[in-house]
Amino acid sequence: MSEAQSSRLKVECYAGYRSDEEPRRFFLGQREVTIDTILDRWLAPDYRYFKVRGSDGGTYILRHDLSEDHWEMTMYDSGQHDETRLSN
């Protein structure tokens, strides 16, 4: 995904025994979204992915690039349209 297509964001994480273990909240510009629930997580060789439900009711997939140490939002679903909802 090119830089123009991705959404960089600031993510605050719970620092467990492996440092930045899981996201707790993120900022889209000035807007803060607290993570209510981690719905799923998976690993790839160079990335960690988290599917989360935000305090705004939206569902997000956040990707942490381990080699560059930055986060991107790769998917967003507002959860307001039943026909496009990604999860309950």
N, C-alpha and C. Protein backbone atom coordinates (compact mmCIF):
# COMPACT_ATOMS: atom_id res chain seq x y z
N MET A 1 0.86 -1.18 0.00
CA MET A 1 0.00 0.00 0.00
C MET A 1 0.90 1.23 0.00
N SER A 2 0.65 2.15 -0.90
CA SER A 2 1.49 3.35 -1.00
C SER A 2 1.15 4.31 0.13
N GLU A 3 2.03 5.25 0.35
CA GLU A 3 1.83 6.25 1.40
C GLU A 3 0.55 7.04 1.18
N ALA A 4 0.23 7.36 -0.06
CA ALA A 4 -0.97 8.14 -0.35
C ALA A 4 -2.24 7.36 -0.01
N GLN A 5 -2.18 6.04 -0.07
CA GLN A 5 -3.36 5.23 0.19
C GLN A 5 -3.51 4.86 1.66
N SER A 6 -2.47 5.00 2.45
CA SER A 6 -2.53 4.58 3.84
C SER A 6 -2.81 5.75 4.75
N SER A 7 -3.25 5.42 5.94
CA SER A 7 -3.52 6.44 6.95
C SER A 7 -2.59 6.23 8.13
N ARG A 8 -1.60 7.09 8.26
CA ARG A 8 -0.73 7.02 9.41
C ARG A 8 -1.44 7.64 10.60
N LEU A 9 -1.15 7.12 11.77
CA LEU A 9 -1.79 7.62 12.96
C LEU A 9 -0.88 7.41 14.16
N LYS A 10 -1.21 8.08 15.23
CA LYS A 10 -0.48 7.92 16.48
C LYS A 10 -1.25 6.92 17.33
N VAL A 11 -0.55 5.90 17.84
CA VAL A 11 -1.18 4.85 18.63
C VAL A 11 -0.48 4.75 19.98
N GLU A 12 -1.26 4.70 21.05
CA GLU A 12 -0.73 4.46 22.38
C GLU A 12 -1.02 3.02 22.75
N CYS A 13 0.00 2.35 23.29
CA CYS A 13 -0.10 0.92 23.55
C CYS A 13 0.10 0.59 25.02
N TYR A 14 -0.42 -0.57 25.40
CA TYR A 14 -0.12 -1.17 26.68
C TYR A 14 1.28 -1.76 26.56
N ALA A 15 2.16 -1.40 27.45
CA ALA A 15 3.53 -1.91 27.41
C ALA A 15 3.64 -3.13 28.31
N GLY A 16 3.51 -4.29 27.74
CA GLY A 16 3.65 -5.54 28.48
C GLY A 16 5.10 -5.99 28.45
N TYR A 17 5.31 -7.25 28.62
CA TYR A 17 6.67 -7.78 28.66
C TYR A 17 7.41 -7.67 27.33
N ARG A 18 6.68 -7.44 26.23
CA ARG A 18 7.31 -7.27 24.91
C ARG A 18 7.25 -5.83 24.44
N SER A 19 7.22 -4.90 25.31
CA SER A 19 7.08 -3.45 25.02
C SER A 19 5.70 -3.16 24.45
N ASP A 20 5.57 -2.63 23.21
CA ASP A 20 4.28 -2.22 22.65
C ASP A 20 3.44 -3.44 22.30
N GLU A 21 2.79 -4.00 23.30
CA GLU A 21 2.10 -5.27 23.10
C GLU A 21 0.76 -5.13 22.39
N GLU A 22 -0.09 -4.21 22.84
CA GLU A 22 -1.38 -4.05 22.17
C GLU A 22 -1.86 -2.61 22.28
N PRO A 23 -2.58 -2.14 21.25
CA PRO A 23 -3.04 -0.74 21.25
C PRO A 23 -4.16 -0.51 22.26
N ARG A 24 -4.14 0.67 22.90
CA ARG A 24 -5.18 1.08 23.85
C ARG A 24 -6.03 2.23 23.32
N ARG A 25 -5.39 3.14 22.56
CA ARG A 25 -6.12 4.24 21.92
C ARG A 25 -5.27 4.77 20.79
N PHE A 26 -5.93 5.50 19.89
CA PHE A 26 -5.19 6.09 18.78
C PHE A 26 -5.78 7.45 18.45
N PHE A 27 -5.01 8.21 17.71
CA PHE A 27 -5.38 9.57 17.36
C PHE A 27 -5.38 9.70 15.84
N LEU A 28 -6.50 10.19 15.32
CA LEU A 28 -6.63 10.53 13.90
C LEU A 28 -6.63 12.04 13.84
N GLY A 29 -5.48 12.63 13.60
CA GLY A 29 -5.36 14.07 13.71
C GLY A 29 -5.58 14.46 15.15
N GLN A 30 -6.57 15.32 15.40
CA GLN A 30 -6.90 15.74 16.76
C GLN A 30 -7.93 14.83 17.43
N ARG A 31 -8.52 13.92 16.68
CA ARG A 31 -9.57 13.06 17.21
C ARG A 31 -8.99 11.84 17.92
N GLU A 32 -9.43 11.63 19.16
CA GLU A 32 -8.97 10.49 19.95
C GLU A 32 -10.03 9.39 19.92
N VAL A 33 -9.59 8.16 19.68
CA VAL A 33 -10.47 7.00 19.71
C VAL A 33 -9.89 6.01 20.71
N THR A 34 -10.64 5.74 21.77
CA THR A 34 -10.24 4.73 22.75
C THR A 34 -10.67 3.37 22.23
N ILE A 35 -9.82 2.38 22.40
CA ILE A 35 -10.14 1.03 21.94
C ILE A 35 -10.93 0.33 23.03
N ASP A 36 -12.19 0.03 22.73
CA ASP A 36 -13.05 -0.66 23.68
C ASP A 36 -12.76 -2.16 23.72
N THR A 37 -12.53 -2.75 22.55
CA THR A 37 -12.34 -4.20 22.46
C THR A 37 -11.36 -4.53 21.33
N ILE A 38 -10.49 -5.46 21.59
CA ILE A 38 -9.68 -6.05 20.52
C ILE A 38 -10.45 -7.28 20.04
N LEU A 39 -10.95 -7.20 18.81
CA LEU A 39 -11.79 -8.26 18.26
C LEU A 39 -10.97 -9.43 17.72
N ASP A 40 -9.78 -9.11 17.20
CA ASP A 40 -8.93 -10.15 16.61
C ASP A 40 -7.53 -9.58 16.50
N ARG A 41 -6.56 -10.44 16.35
CA ARG A 41 -5.17 -10.03 16.11
C ARG A 41 -4.46 -11.14 15.36
N TRP A 42 -3.52 -10.76 14.52
CA TRP A 42 -2.75 -11.75 13.79
C TRP A 42 -1.39 -11.16 13.43
N LEU A 43 -0.46 -12.08 13.14
CA LEU A 43 0.91 -11.70 12.84
C LEU A 43 1.25 -12.03 11.40
N ALA A 44 2.06 -11.21 10.82
CA ALA A 44 2.68 -11.47 9.52
C ALA A 44 4.18 -11.31 9.76
N PRO A 45 5.02 -11.69 8.82
CA PRO A 45 6.46 -11.60 9.07
C PRO A 45 6.95 -10.21 9.51
N ASP A 46 6.43 -9.15 8.91
CA ASP A 46 6.91 -7.81 9.23
C ASP A 46 5.86 -6.92 9.88
N TYR A 47 4.67 -7.45 10.13
CA TYR A 47 3.58 -6.64 10.64
C TYR A 47 2.82 -7.36 11.75
N ARG A 48 2.18 -6.56 12.61
CA ARG A 48 1.19 -7.07 13.55
C ARG A 48 -0.12 -6.36 13.24
N TYR A 49 -1.20 -7.10 13.17
CA TYR A 49 -2.52 -6.54 12.85
C TYR A 49 -3.44 -6.67 14.06
N PHE A 50 -4.28 -5.65 14.26
CA PHE A 50 -5.28 -5.66 15.31
C PHE A 50 -6.61 -5.19 14.72
N LYS A 51 -7.64 -6.01 14.88
CA LYS A 51 -9.00 -5.60 14.52
C LYS A 51 -9.65 -5.16 15.82
N VAL A 52 -10.06 -3.90 15.87
CA VAL A 52 -10.52 -3.32 17.13
C VAL A 52 -11.86 -2.62 16.96
N ARG A 53 -12.60 -2.50 18.07
CA ARG A 53 -13.81 -1.68 18.12
C ARG A 53 -13.47 -0.44 18.92
N GLY A 54 -13.72 0.72 18.34
CA GLY A 54 -13.41 1.99 18.98
C GLY A 54 -14.55 2.53 19.81
N SER A 55 -14.24 3.53 20.63
CA SER A 55 -15.24 4.17 21.47
C SER A 55 -16.31 4.89 20.65
N ASP A 56 -16.03 5.12 19.37
CA ASP A 56 -17.01 5.75 18.48
C ASP A 56 -17.93 4.72 17.80
N GLY A 57 -17.78 3.43 18.16
CA GLY A 57 -18.60 2.37 17.58
C GLY A 57 -18.05 1.81 16.29
N GLY A 58 -16.99 2.39 15.77
CA GLY A 58 -16.39 1.93 14.53
C GLY A 58 -15.51 0.70 14.73
N THR A 59 -15.33 -0.04 13.65
CA THR A 59 -14.41 -1.17 13.62
C THR A 59 -13.23 -0.78 12.75
N TYR A 60 -12.03 -1.03 13.25
CA TYR A 60 -10.80 -0.62 12.58
C TYR A 60 -9.85 -1.81 12.49
N ILE A 61 -9.05 -1.84 11.43
CA ILE A 61 -7.89 -2.72 11.41
C ILE A 61 -6.67 -1.82 11.42
N LEU A 62 -5.85 -2.02 12.46
CA LEU A 62 -4.62 -1.26 12.63
C LEU A 62 -3.45 -2.18 12.35
N ARG A 63 -2.47 -1.66 11.62
CA ARG A 63 -1.29 -2.45 11.26
C ARG A 63 -0.05 -1.78 11.81
N HIS A 64 0.74 -2.54 12.55
CA HIS A 64 2.00 -2.04 13.08
C HIS A 64 3.14 -2.59 12.24
N ASP A 65 3.86 -1.71 11.57
CA ASP A 65 5.02 -2.08 10.77
C ASP A 65 6.20 -2.19 11.72
N LEU A 66 6.66 -3.41 11.97
CA LEU A 66 7.70 -3.63 12.96
C LEU A 66 9.06 -3.08 12.53
N SER A 67 9.38 -3.17 11.26
CA SER A 67 10.69 -2.70 10.79
C SER A 67 10.80 -1.18 10.79
N GLU A 68 9.70 -0.49 10.48
CA GLU A 68 9.69 0.98 10.44
C GLU A 68 9.15 1.58 11.73
N ASP A 69 8.58 0.76 12.59
CA ASP A 69 7.97 1.17 13.85
C ASP A 69 6.96 2.29 13.67
N HIS A 70 6.01 2.08 12.75
CA HIS A 70 4.90 3.02 12.62
C HIS A 70 3.60 2.23 12.41
N TRP A 71 2.50 2.94 12.64
CA TRP A 71 1.17 2.35 12.57
C TRP A 71 0.41 2.92 11.39
N GLU A 72 -0.47 2.09 10.83
CA GLU A 72 -1.37 2.52 9.76
C GLU A 72 -2.76 1.95 10.05
N MET A 73 -3.77 2.71 9.64
CA MET A 73 -5.14 2.19 9.66
C MET A 73 -5.39 1.64 8.26
N THR A 74 -5.65 0.35 8.17
CA THR A 74 -5.83 -0.26 6.85
C THR A 74 -7.29 -0.48 6.50
N MET A 75 -8.21 -0.33 7.50
CA MET A 75 -9.63 -0.54 7.24
C MET A 75 -10.43 0.19 8.30
N TYR A 76 -11.59 0.72 7.91
CA TYR A 76 -12.52 1.36 8.83
C TYR A 76 -13.94 1.03 8.40
N ASP A 77 -14.77 0.67 9.37
CA ASP A 77 -16.20 0.44 9.15
C ASP A 77 -16.93 1.18 10.26
N SER A 78 -17.79 2.11 9.89
CA SER A 78 -18.49 2.93 10.88
C SER A 78 -19.47 2.10 11.71
N GLY A 79 -19.90 0.96 11.20
CA GLY A 79 -20.86 0.13 11.92
C GLY A 79 -22.27 0.66 11.86
N GLN A 80 -22.52 1.65 11.03
CA GLN A 80 -23.83 2.28 10.99
C GLN A 80 -24.73 1.72 9.89
N HIS A 81 -24.21 0.87 9.04
CA HIS A 81 -25.01 0.30 7.94
C HIS A 81 -24.92 -1.22 8.03
N ASP A 82 -26.03 -1.87 8.35
CA ASP A 82 -26.04 -3.30 8.54
C ASP A 82 -25.49 -4.08 7.35
N GLU A 83 -25.76 -3.60 6.17
CA GLU A 83 -25.34 -4.35 4.97
C GLU A 83 -23.82 -4.32 4.76
N THR A 84 -23.11 -3.38 5.39
CA THR A 84 -21.65 -3.33 5.24
C THR A 84 -20.91 -3.61 6.53
N ARG A 85 -21.63 -3.92 7.59
CA ARG A 85 -20.98 -4.16 8.89
C ARG A 85 -20.06 -5.36 8.80
N LEU A 86 -18.84 -5.21 9.35
CA LEU A 86 -17.85 -6.28 9.30
C LEU A 86 -17.92 -7.23 10.48
N SER A 87 -18.46 -6.79 11.60
CA SER A 87 -18.60 -7.69 12.75
C SER A 87 -19.65 -7.13 13.69
N ASN A 88 -20.15 -7.98 14.56
CA ASN A 88 -21.15 -7.56 15.53
C ASN A 88 -20.51 -6.99 16.76
